[in-house]
Amino acid sequence: MNKIKSSLVPSVLALSVMALAGCGEDPQAGGGGDGGGGASYAAVIKGLDNPFFQQMEQGIDAAAGDSGVDVEVQAATSITDTSGQADKLNAMAQQGYDCFVVNPISGTNLIQGLAQIAAEDTPVVNIDSPIDADAAAKADLKVQTYIGTDNVEAGKLGGEAMVEALGGSGQVALIGGISGDATSNARLEGFMQGAGDLEIVQAVAADWDRQIALTKATDILSANPDIKGFFSANDDMALGIARAVANAGKTGDIAIVGVDGIEDALKAVKAGDMYATVAQYPYAIGQLGVQACEMAAAGETLPENITAPVAVVTEAEADKALEAFPAPFEEFDNPLD
């Protein structure tokens, strides 16, 4: 496996742009498999209201740009728009694409459209959020590969970072995404594995939303005056927590650790408003999704799972991470190369 350096990811992945349709365009208006003479892929991702998925789209765009394939990207209107995302996929399923890259909002919301795609023997590459295995089996849906973060490991790294920030002891609260969401649960579980002797005083859900997280964190601060840290299952919520902490006049006294590595969070880490973020590589996940589609469409065998790397970013790494953004700032092994 080759090591991929952040600044070299687009060229090393050997992926390039022929035509890229924006996520807001009508899926009926172009780009099906009969449209341009070359390979044509569809990508259906979560809402671009979240910077994480904006980075993912940028990675898909870059990959398409290097491989000479036509990739049309459609996104949900928000990261909770399950039915809207399914409608976009169902419309694209009629267009004759050579491969689909899908980042479902839930484990089951895209199953109906994907079953139709699978019936046509069109490859499906699943990225970031896994399709429910039982639902896929019932629909006779075979996914070529899953590409995503080990969310338990990401959470564990967050827990270890919090232990370091607090010197091994102190009260912390956890703010997760949508209640019952598998990704959120895995990150919170991982945090608890890495948290050592830290005292977890409360865990709440904030629907992946910055404003809701601000409100929840404000309530937690009021109820727990001795709290020393917050762990958030994503950076957007972590930034809401940072605002609540600032409103309470406790910036620098309460450590905040998030997950994702979005640009605003990296800036917050650099400024001292957050202690750390566990950076994922949504840009690289998007690139790898297109590369996997290339291989699947060519009939090549793919690994069942491809684990995307993560890296803890504290103030010491923030400049390096910002300089490389949105590409990875550390080398990682590309199993598809």
Foldseek 3Di string as FASTA:
>chain_A
DDKAAQVCVLVVLQAAADAEADQPDQLVPDFFCVGDPDAGEEEEAEAPVDLLVVLLVLLLNSRNGRRVYYYYYHYANHLVRLQRSLVRLQVNLPRHHQEYEYEHSAQDSNLVSQLSNVVVVRAYEYEAAHRDPVSCVVSVGDHQAYEHAQLLQQLLVLLQLVCVVVVNEFEEEEEFAPPPGPSRVSSPNSNVVNNHHYHYDYYYYQNLALQSLLVVLLVVCVVCVRGAEYEYAAVSVLVSNLVNCVVVVNQLRHAYEYEALRLVSLVCLLVSSHFKYWHFQSSVRSSVSVSVSVCVSVVHHDDHYHHTDIHIDHNVCSVQSNVSPPTDSRIDDDPSD
